[in-house]
Amino acid sequence: MKQGKPREKRNSNKDKRGIINTVQQFIQWWLEEDYSSLRTRMADNVVMCIPQSRQVAQGRESVQEVMQSILKERRIKRYSETDFHIWLEGNQSIAYYRYAMEYEQQNQSRTETGVDFFVFKYHERAWQLLWRTVYVAS
């Protein structure tokens, strides 16, 4: 049996905090429309299940287009994250949290709550987004 390098263990509180920071940075870049930074944290074959749709975006370009279209339709006034949950196994992670958002769309104030889900892999010293979906509750 061939033995390679021992696999780095990634399940400490520090690693979980790192994933929360990655998610929060990802959302901040989105709200600031900093798509070049967002792309650095997306895997080439990233997948996003489009909120309130049966469609799926696949690849960095498509996922970026979906994220841009959401901000074109809305002016976000407030966005908050709570209740983070992190699962880690080796170089893979699942993160989800509850969000609340206040925004304007078509000159009307609206609110939305839901759960945002992320799947990451640790690659080249950073967490890379593999899959994301947003469950809109209201």
Protein backbone atom coordinates (compact mmCIF):
# COMPACT_ATOMS: atom_id res chain seq x y z
CA MET A 1 0.00 0.00 0.00
CA LYS A 2 1.44 3.34 -1.04
CA GLN A 3 1.58 5.97 1.64
CA GLY A 4 1.44 9.64 0.73
CA LYS A 5 1.52 12.73 2.84
CA PRO A 6 -0.76 12.62 5.85
CA ARG A 7 -4.00 14.45 5.16
CA GLU A 8 -4.36 17.75 6.97
CA LYS A 9 -7.05 17.57 9.59
CA ARG A 10 -9.61 20.34 9.16
CA ASN A 11 -12.28 20.28 11.81
CA SER A 12 -11.12 22.57 14.55
CA ASN A 13 -12.97 25.63 15.79
CA LYS A 14 -10.34 27.71 13.95
CA ASP A 15 -11.20 25.96 10.68
CA LYS A 16 -14.94 26.49 11.28
CA ARG A 17 -14.32 30.18 11.99
CA GLY A 18 -12.34 30.34 8.74
CA ILE A 19 -15.32 28.98 6.81
CA ILE A 20 -17.69 31.47 8.44
CA ASN A 21 -15.26 34.25 7.50
CA THR A 22 -15.13 32.94 3.92
CA VAL A 23 -18.93 32.95 3.66
CA GLN A 24 -19.17 36.45 5.12
CA GLN A 25 -16.46 37.72 2.75
CA PHE A 26 -18.25 36.07 -0.18
CA ILE A 27 -21.50 37.86 0.71
CA GLN A 28 -19.67 41.16 1.24
CA TRP A 29 -18.04 40.91 -2.20
CA TRP A 30 -21.45 40.17 -3.71
CA LEU A 31 -23.09 43.18 -2.02
CA GLU A 32 -20.18 45.38 -3.14
CA GLU A 33 -20.41 43.89 -6.66
CA ASP A 34 -16.75 42.83 -6.47
CA TYR A 35 -17.12 39.95 -8.90
CA SER A 36 -13.40 39.56 -9.62
CA SER A 37 -12.80 38.74 -5.93
CA LEU A 38 -15.82 36.43 -5.86
CA ARG A 39 -14.47 34.47 -8.82
CA THR A 40 -11.20 33.79 -6.96
CA ARG A 41 -13.18 31.75 -4.41
CA MET A 42 -15.28 29.80 -6.95
CA ALA A 43 -14.22 26.43 -8.32
CA ASP A 44 -14.14 26.28 -12.14
CA ASN A 45 -17.16 23.96 -12.14
CA VAL A 46 -19.15 25.76 -9.41
CA VAL A 47 -22.91 25.15 -9.40
CA MET A 48 -25.67 27.42 -8.10
CA CYS A 49 -29.30 26.43 -7.82
CA ILE A 50 -31.10 29.62 -8.73
CA PRO A 51 -33.39 30.95 -5.99
CA GLN A 52 -37.12 30.48 -6.64
CA SER A 53 -36.39 28.69 -9.91
CA ARG A 54 -35.82 25.20 -11.19
CA GLN A 55 -32.76 26.30 -13.11
CA VAL A 56 -29.13 25.65 -12.30
CA ALA A 57 -26.15 27.83 -13.20
CA GLN A 58 -22.94 25.93 -13.86
CA GLY A 59 -19.45 27.40 -14.10
CA ARG A 60 -17.99 30.69 -12.86
CA GLU A 61 -19.43 32.83 -15.66
CA SER A 62 -22.98 31.53 -15.24
CA VAL A 63 -22.95 31.77 -11.45
CA GLN A 64 -21.58 35.31 -11.62
CA GLU A 65 -24.36 36.28 -14.08
CA VAL A 66 -27.01 34.96 -11.69
CA MET A 67 -25.52 36.87 -8.76
CA GLN A 68 -25.32 40.05 -10.84
CA SER A 69 -28.92 39.72 -12.02
CA ILE A 70 -30.18 39.56 -8.43
CA LEU A 71 -28.53 42.91 -7.65
CA LYS A 72 -29.79 44.46 -10.91
CA GLU A 73 -33.37 43.73 -9.84
CA ARG A 74 -32.94 44.93 -6.24
CA ARG A 75 -31.34 47.64 -4.17
CA ILE A 76 -30.26 45.92 -0.96
CA LYS A 77 -30.79 48.14 2.09
CA ARG A 78 -29.90 45.63 4.81
CA TYR A 79 -28.52 42.09 4.85
CA SER A 80 -27.77 40.00 7.93
CA GLU A 81 -26.61 36.45 8.68
CA THR A 82 -27.36 34.43 11.81
CA ASP A 83 -27.31 30.87 13.09
CA PHE A 84 -24.28 29.50 11.20
CA HIS A 85 -23.85 25.72 10.99
CA ILE A 86 -20.62 24.18 9.72
CA TRP A 87 -19.80 20.58 8.87
CA LEU A 88 -16.19 19.67 8.08
CA GLU A 89 -14.66 16.46 6.81
CA GLY A 90 -11.10 16.55 5.51
CA ASN A 91 -10.91 19.15 2.76
CA GLN A 92 -14.69 19.48 2.34
CA SER A 93 -17.20 21.63 4.15
CA ILE A 94 -20.90 22.37 4.19
CA ALA A 95 -21.97 25.71 5.62
CA TYR A 96 -25.42 27.16 6.01
CA TYR A 97 -27.00 30.05 7.83
CA ARG A 98 -30.21 32.03 8.11
CA TYR A 99 -30.37 35.37 6.39
CA ALA A 100 -32.67 38.38 6.42
CA MET A 101 -32.67 41.00 3.71
CA GLU A 102 -34.47 44.29 3.23
CA TYR A 103 -34.46 45.66 -0.30
CA GLU A 104 -36.26 47.83 -2.82
CA GLN A 105 -37.62 46.37 -6.02
CA GLN A 106 -39.79 48.25 -8.49
CA ASN A 107 -40.07 51.15 -6.02
CA GLN A 108 -41.47 48.90 -3.28
CA SER A 109 -39.81 47.98 0.01
CA ARG A 110 -39.62 44.24 0.57
CA THR A 111 -38.17 41.79 3.05
CA GLU A 112 -36.91 38.28 2.49
CA THR A 113 -35.72 35.59 4.85
CA GLY A 114 -34.30 32.19 4.12
CA VAL A 115 -31.36 29.84 4.37
CA ASP A 116 -28.19 30.05 2.28
CA PHE A 117 -26.30 26.77 1.70
CA PHE A 118 -22.66 26.44 0.56
CA VAL A 119 -20.42 23.47 -0.22
CA PHE A 120 -16.68 24.17 -0.21
CA LYS A 121 -13.47 22.29 -0.87
CA TYR A 122 -10.11 23.34 0.53
CA HIS A 123 -7.83 23.82 -2.46
CA GLU A 124 -4.56 25.72 -2.84
CA ARG A 125 -4.73 27.11 0.70
CA ALA A 126 -8.25 28.55 0.40
CA TRP A 127 -11.87 27.42 0.59
CA GLN A 128 -13.33 27.22 -2.93
CA LEU A 129 -17.09 27.30 -3.54
CA LEU A 130 -18.37 24.15 -5.28
CA TRP A 131 -22.13 24.47 -4.84
CA ARG A 132 -24.60 27.03 -3.53
CA THR A 133 -28.33 27.28 -3.19
CA VAL A 134 -30.60 29.73 -1.46
CA TYR A 135 -33.86 28.64 0.10
CA VAL A 136 -36.21 31.62 0.23
CA ALA A 137 -38.66 31.24 3.14
CA SER A 138 -40.56 34.51 2.71
